[in-house]
Amino acid sequence: MTIVTKDSLQLMLDHHNPKYVEAVVGRALTAIFKFQTEDEQTSNATTHHNGVGFTGADGYGGSLTAKYWMKHNSLQPWMIEKWTAKTKSGYARLAKYHRQLNDISSK
């Protein structure tokens, strides 16, 4: 059963309440971060290209943002902007992780 799609995730990220969007970003990145290997979590980098966790380009920023959320239960404005900014595809950067988030939410 599909719970999270690119479109449903984008709808959440386009929500009018900034605190809601902040929580979506923080919780999603934390869920993805937990799929990084232990050494990737420690180094804030993606070194294993195993199809789970962050891509190489997002390993550092994703790890730092997830750790910040876990520690403070809030995010800095630049962190939210990074993950909600739309790419050439018309979707937010975070939306590329919709399949992983769907898998996580289905467990």
N, C-alpha and C. Protein backbone atom coordinates (compact mmCIF):
# COMPACT_ATOMS: atom_id res chain seq x y z
N MET A 1 0.84 -1.18 0.00
CA MET A 1 0.00 0.00 0.00
C MET A 1 0.88 1.25 0.00
N THR A 2 0.61 2.17 -0.88
CA THR A 2 1.37 3.40 -0.98
C THR A 2 0.78 4.46 -0.06
N ILE A 3 1.59 4.96 0.81
CA ILE A 3 1.17 6.01 1.74
C ILE A 3 1.83 7.33 1.35
N VAL A 4 3.12 7.25 1.03
CA VAL A 4 3.87 8.46 0.69
C VAL A 4 4.22 8.42 -0.80
N THR A 5 3.79 9.44 -1.50
CA THR A 5 4.14 9.61 -2.91
C THR A 5 4.84 10.95 -3.04
N LYS A 6 5.43 11.19 -4.22
CA LYS A 6 6.04 12.50 -4.45
C LYS A 6 5.02 13.61 -4.26
N ASP A 7 3.83 13.39 -4.81
CA ASP A 7 2.79 14.42 -4.73
C ASP A 7 2.30 14.63 -3.30
N SER A 8 2.10 13.55 -2.56
CA SER A 8 1.61 13.71 -1.18
C SER A 8 2.66 14.38 -0.30
N LEU A 9 3.92 14.03 -0.53
CA LEU A 9 5.00 14.67 0.23
C LEU A 9 5.10 16.15 -0.14
N GLN A 10 4.98 16.45 -1.43
CA GLN A 10 5.03 17.85 -1.86
C GLN A 10 3.88 18.65 -1.25
N LEU A 11 2.70 18.06 -1.16
CA LEU A 11 1.57 18.74 -0.51
C LEU A 11 1.88 19.08 0.94
N MET A 12 2.51 18.16 1.64
CA MET A 12 2.89 18.43 3.02
C MET A 12 3.91 19.57 3.11
N LEU A 13 4.86 19.57 2.17
CA LEU A 13 5.90 20.60 2.18
C LEU A 13 5.38 21.97 1.73
N ASP A 14 4.26 21.99 1.02
CA ASP A 14 3.65 23.24 0.59
C ASP A 14 2.62 23.76 1.60
N HIS A 15 2.47 23.10 2.71
CA HIS A 15 1.48 23.46 3.72
C HIS A 15 1.70 24.91 4.19
N HIS A 16 0.63 25.58 4.57
CA HIS A 16 0.69 26.99 4.98
C HIS A 16 1.30 27.20 6.36
N ASN A 17 1.34 26.16 7.19
CA ASN A 17 1.86 26.29 8.55
C ASN A 17 3.36 25.95 8.58
N PRO A 18 4.22 26.93 8.82
CA PRO A 18 5.67 26.69 8.81
C PRO A 18 6.13 25.65 9.83
N LYS A 19 5.48 25.58 10.99
CA LYS A 19 5.88 24.60 12.00
C LYS A 19 5.56 23.18 11.54
N TYR A 20 4.47 23.03 10.80
CA TYR A 20 4.11 21.73 10.23
C TYR A 20 5.16 21.31 9.22
N VAL A 21 5.55 22.22 8.34
CA VAL A 21 6.56 21.92 7.32
C VAL A 21 7.88 21.56 8.00
N GLU A 22 8.24 22.32 9.01
CA GLU A 22 9.47 22.05 9.76
C GLU A 22 9.46 20.64 10.34
N ALA A 23 8.33 20.23 10.90
CA ALA A 23 8.22 18.90 11.48
C ALA A 23 8.28 17.81 10.40
N VAL A 24 7.66 18.05 9.26
CA VAL A 24 7.72 17.08 8.16
C VAL A 24 9.16 16.88 7.73
N VAL A 25 9.88 17.97 7.52
CA VAL A 25 11.28 17.88 7.09
C VAL A 25 12.12 17.18 8.16
N GLY A 26 11.99 17.61 9.40
CA GLY A 26 12.79 17.03 10.48
C GLY A 26 12.53 15.55 10.67
N ARG A 27 11.28 15.17 10.70
CA ARG A 27 10.94 13.77 10.91
C ARG A 27 11.33 12.90 9.72
N ALA A 28 11.15 13.42 8.51
CA ALA A 28 11.52 12.65 7.32
C ALA A 28 13.02 12.43 7.26
N LEU A 29 13.79 13.49 7.50
CA LEU A 29 15.25 13.34 7.44
C LEU A 29 15.77 12.43 8.54
N THR A 30 15.14 12.47 9.69
CA THR A 30 15.54 11.57 10.78
C THR A 30 15.27 10.12 10.40
N ALA A 31 14.13 9.87 9.78
CA ALA A 31 13.80 8.51 9.36
C ALA A 31 14.80 8.00 8.32
N ILE A 32 15.16 8.84 7.38
CA ILE A 32 16.14 8.46 6.35
C ILE A 32 17.52 8.27 6.98
N PHE A 33 17.90 9.17 7.88
CA PHE A 33 19.19 9.10 8.57
C PHE A 33 19.37 7.76 9.28
N LYS A 34 18.30 7.26 9.87
CA LYS A 34 18.38 6.00 10.60
C LYS A 34 18.69 4.82 9.69
N PHE A 35 18.53 4.99 8.37
CA PHE A 35 18.89 3.95 7.42
C PHE A 35 20.32 4.06 6.93
N GLN A 36 21.00 5.15 7.31
CA GLN A 36 22.42 5.25 7.00
C GLN A 36 23.14 4.19 7.85
N THR A 37 24.25 3.69 7.35
CA THR A 37 25.02 2.75 8.16
C THR A 37 25.64 3.50 9.34
N GLU A 38 26.07 2.76 10.33
CA GLU A 38 26.64 3.38 11.54
C GLU A 38 27.83 4.27 11.21
N ASP A 39 28.70 3.80 10.32
CA ASP A 39 29.86 4.63 9.97
C ASP A 39 29.46 5.87 9.18
N GLU A 40 28.39 5.78 8.38
CA GLU A 40 27.90 6.95 7.66
C GLU A 40 27.28 7.95 8.63
N GLN A 41 26.57 7.46 9.62
CA GLN A 41 25.99 8.35 10.63
C GLN A 41 27.09 9.09 11.39
N THR A 42 28.15 8.40 11.70
CA THR A 42 29.25 9.00 12.45
C THR A 42 30.01 10.02 11.61
N SER A 43 30.23 9.70 10.33
CA SER A 43 31.03 10.58 9.47
C SER A 43 30.23 11.65 8.75
N ASN A 44 28.90 11.61 8.86
CA ASN A 44 28.02 12.56 8.16
C ASN A 44 28.25 12.52 6.65
N ALA A 45 28.46 11.34 6.13
CA ALA A 45 28.71 11.18 4.70
C ALA A 45 28.11 9.86 4.22
N THR A 46 27.78 9.82 2.95
CA THR A 46 27.31 8.58 2.35
C THR A 46 28.49 7.92 1.65
N THR A 47 28.89 6.79 2.17
CA THR A 47 30.03 6.07 1.60
C THR A 47 29.64 4.72 1.03
N HIS A 48 28.48 4.22 1.41
CA HIS A 48 27.98 2.95 0.89
C HIS A 48 26.81 3.27 -0.05
N HIS A 49 26.94 2.90 -1.27
CA HIS A 49 25.88 3.17 -2.24
C HIS A 49 24.99 1.94 -2.33
N ASN A 50 24.15 1.80 -1.28
CA ASN A 50 23.33 0.61 -1.12
C ASN A 50 21.84 0.86 -1.37
N GLY A 51 21.50 2.05 -1.84
CA GLY A 51 20.11 2.34 -2.18
C GLY A 51 19.24 2.75 -1.02
N VAL A 52 19.81 2.85 0.17
CA VAL A 52 19.05 3.32 1.33
C VAL A 52 19.81 4.45 2.01
N GLY A 53 19.07 5.30 2.69
CA GLY A 53 19.69 6.46 3.31
C GLY A 53 19.84 7.58 2.28
N PHE A 54 20.72 8.49 2.56
CA PHE A 54 20.91 9.66 1.70
C PHE A 54 21.79 9.34 0.49
N THR A 55 21.57 10.08 -0.58
CA THR A 55 22.46 10.00 -1.73
C THR A 55 23.78 10.65 -1.34
N GLY A 56 24.80 10.43 -2.13
CA GLY A 56 26.11 11.03 -1.85
C GLY A 56 26.05 12.54 -1.73
N ALA A 57 25.26 13.17 -2.58
CA ALA A 57 25.16 14.63 -2.57
C ALA A 57 24.45 15.15 -1.32
N ASP A 58 23.60 14.33 -0.72
CA ASP A 58 22.82 14.77 0.43
C ASP A 58 23.31 14.21 1.76
N GLY A 59 24.33 13.38 1.74
CA GLY A 59 24.79 12.73 2.96
C GLY A 59 25.16 13.69 4.07
N TYR A 60 25.95 14.69 3.76
CA TYR A 60 26.41 15.63 4.78
C TYR A 60 25.26 16.49 5.30
N GLY A 61 24.57 17.17 4.40
CA GLY A 61 23.47 18.05 4.81
C GLY A 61 22.32 17.31 5.46
N GLY A 62 22.00 16.15 4.93
CA GLY A 62 20.92 15.36 5.51
C GLY A 62 21.25 14.87 6.91
N SER A 63 22.49 14.41 7.08
CA SER A 63 22.90 13.92 8.40
C SER A 63 22.93 15.04 9.43
N LEU A 64 23.51 16.18 9.06
CA LEU A 64 23.56 17.30 10.00
C LEU A 64 22.17 17.81 10.37
N THR A 65 21.29 17.89 9.38
CA THR A 65 19.94 18.38 9.64
C THR A 65 19.18 17.39 10.51
N ALA A 66 19.30 16.10 10.23
CA ALA A 66 18.62 15.08 11.05
C ALA A 66 19.13 15.12 12.49
N LYS A 67 20.43 15.22 12.67
CA LYS A 67 21.01 15.27 14.02
C LYS A 67 20.53 16.52 14.76
N TYR A 68 20.47 17.63 14.05
CA TYR A 68 20.00 18.87 14.66
C TYR A 68 18.55 18.71 15.11
N TRP A 69 17.70 18.12 14.26
CA TRP A 69 16.30 17.89 14.62
C TRP A 69 16.19 16.99 15.85
N MET A 70 16.98 15.92 15.88
CA MET A 70 16.91 14.98 17.00
C MET A 70 17.34 15.65 18.31
N LYS A 71 18.26 16.58 18.23
CA LYS A 71 18.75 17.25 19.44
C LYS A 71 17.84 18.39 19.89
N HIS A 72 17.32 19.18 18.94
CA HIS A 72 16.60 20.41 19.28
C HIS A 72 15.09 20.36 19.00
N ASN A 73 14.65 19.36 18.27
CA ASN A 73 13.24 19.26 17.85
C ASN A 73 12.81 20.54 17.11
N SER A 74 13.73 21.10 16.40
CA SER A 74 13.48 22.28 15.56
C SER A 74 14.59 22.33 14.51
N LEU A 75 14.41 23.18 13.51
CA LEU A 75 15.41 23.33 12.46
C LEU A 75 15.69 24.82 12.24
N GLN A 76 16.85 25.10 11.70
CA GLN A 76 17.19 26.46 11.30
C GLN A 76 16.48 26.75 9.97
N PRO A 77 16.14 28.01 9.72
CA PRO A 77 15.46 28.34 8.46
C PRO A 77 16.18 27.85 7.21
N TRP A 78 17.51 27.94 7.18
CA TRP A 78 18.25 27.51 5.99
C TRP A 78 18.10 26.01 5.76
N MET A 79 17.94 25.25 6.82
CA MET A 79 17.78 23.80 6.69
C MET A 79 16.44 23.49 6.01
N ILE A 80 15.40 24.16 6.44
CA ILE A 80 14.08 23.95 5.86
C ILE A 80 14.10 24.37 4.39
N GLU A 81 14.71 25.51 4.12
CA GLU A 81 14.78 26.01 2.74
C GLU A 81 15.51 25.03 1.83
N LYS A 82 16.60 24.46 2.33
CA LYS A 82 17.37 23.51 1.51
C LYS A 82 16.52 22.33 1.07
N TRP A 83 15.72 21.79 1.96
CA TRP A 83 14.97 20.57 1.68
C TRP A 83 13.62 20.82 1.03
N THR A 84 13.11 22.05 1.12
CA THR A 84 11.83 22.36 0.49
C THR A 84 11.98 23.08 -0.84
N ALA A 85 13.19 23.52 -1.15
CA ALA A 85 13.43 24.21 -2.43
C ALA A 85 13.14 23.25 -3.58
N LYS A 86 12.44 23.75 -4.56
CA LYS A 86 12.07 22.91 -5.69
C LYS A 86 13.24 22.77 -6.67
N THR A 87 13.38 21.57 -7.18
CA THR A 87 14.43 21.26 -8.14
C THR A 87 13.86 21.42 -9.55
N LYS A 88 14.64 21.07 -10.55
CA LYS A 88 14.18 21.14 -11.94
C LYS A 88 12.92 20.31 -12.18
N SER A 89 12.75 19.27 -11.39
CA SER A 89 11.59 18.39 -11.54
C SER A 89 10.28 19.05 -11.08
N GLY A 90 10.40 20.16 -10.35
CA GLY A 90 9.22 20.82 -9.81
C GLY A 90 8.85 20.35 -8.42
N TYR A 91 9.61 19.39 -7.90
CA TYR A 91 9.39 18.87 -6.55
C TYR A 91 10.51 19.33 -5.63
N ALA A 92 10.23 19.35 -4.35
CA ALA A 92 11.23 19.70 -3.36
C ALA A 92 12.34 18.65 -3.34
N ARG A 93 13.51 19.08 -2.90
CA ARG A 93 14.66 18.17 -2.80
C ARG A 93 14.30 16.93 -1.99
N LEU A 94 13.54 17.10 -0.92
CA LEU A 94 13.17 15.98 -0.05
C LEU A 94 12.31 14.94 -0.77
N ALA A 95 11.58 15.36 -1.79
CA ALA A 95 10.65 14.46 -2.47
C ALA A 95 11.34 13.28 -3.16
N LYS A 96 12.63 13.42 -3.45
CA LYS A 96 13.30 12.28 -4.10
C LYS A 96 13.41 11.06 -3.17
N TYR A 97 13.14 11.27 -1.90
CA TYR A 97 13.20 10.18 -0.94
C TYR A 97 11.82 9.59 -0.64
N HIS A 98 10.83 9.89 -1.47
CA HIS A 98 9.46 9.44 -1.20
C HIS A 98 9.34 7.92 -1.12
N ARG A 99 10.08 7.20 -1.93
CA ARG A 99 9.97 5.72 -1.88
C ARG A 99 10.48 5.17 -0.54
N GLN A 100 11.61 5.69 -0.10
CA GLN A 100 12.13 5.25 1.20
C GLN A 100 11.17 5.61 2.32
N LEU A 101 10.62 6.82 2.26
CA LEU A 101 9.68 7.25 3.30
C LEU A 101 8.42 6.41 3.26
N ASN A 102 8.00 6.01 2.07
CA ASN A 102 6.84 5.12 1.96
C ASN A 102 7.16 3.76 2.60
N ASP A 103 8.33 3.24 2.30
CA ASP A 103 8.73 1.96 2.89
C ASP A 103 8.76 2.05 4.42
N ILE A 104 9.30 3.15 4.93
CA ILE A 104 9.40 3.36 6.38
C ILE A 104 8.00 3.45 6.99
N SER A 105 7.12 4.20 6.35
CA SER A 105 5.77 4.40 6.89
C SER A 105 4.91 3.14 6.80
N SER A 106 5.30 2.23 5.95
CA SER A 106 4.53 0.99 5.78
C SER A 106 4.92 -0.08 6.80
N LYS A 107 5.96 0.18 7.56
CA LYS A 107 6.45 -0.83 8.54
C LYS A 107 5.74 -0.70 9.86
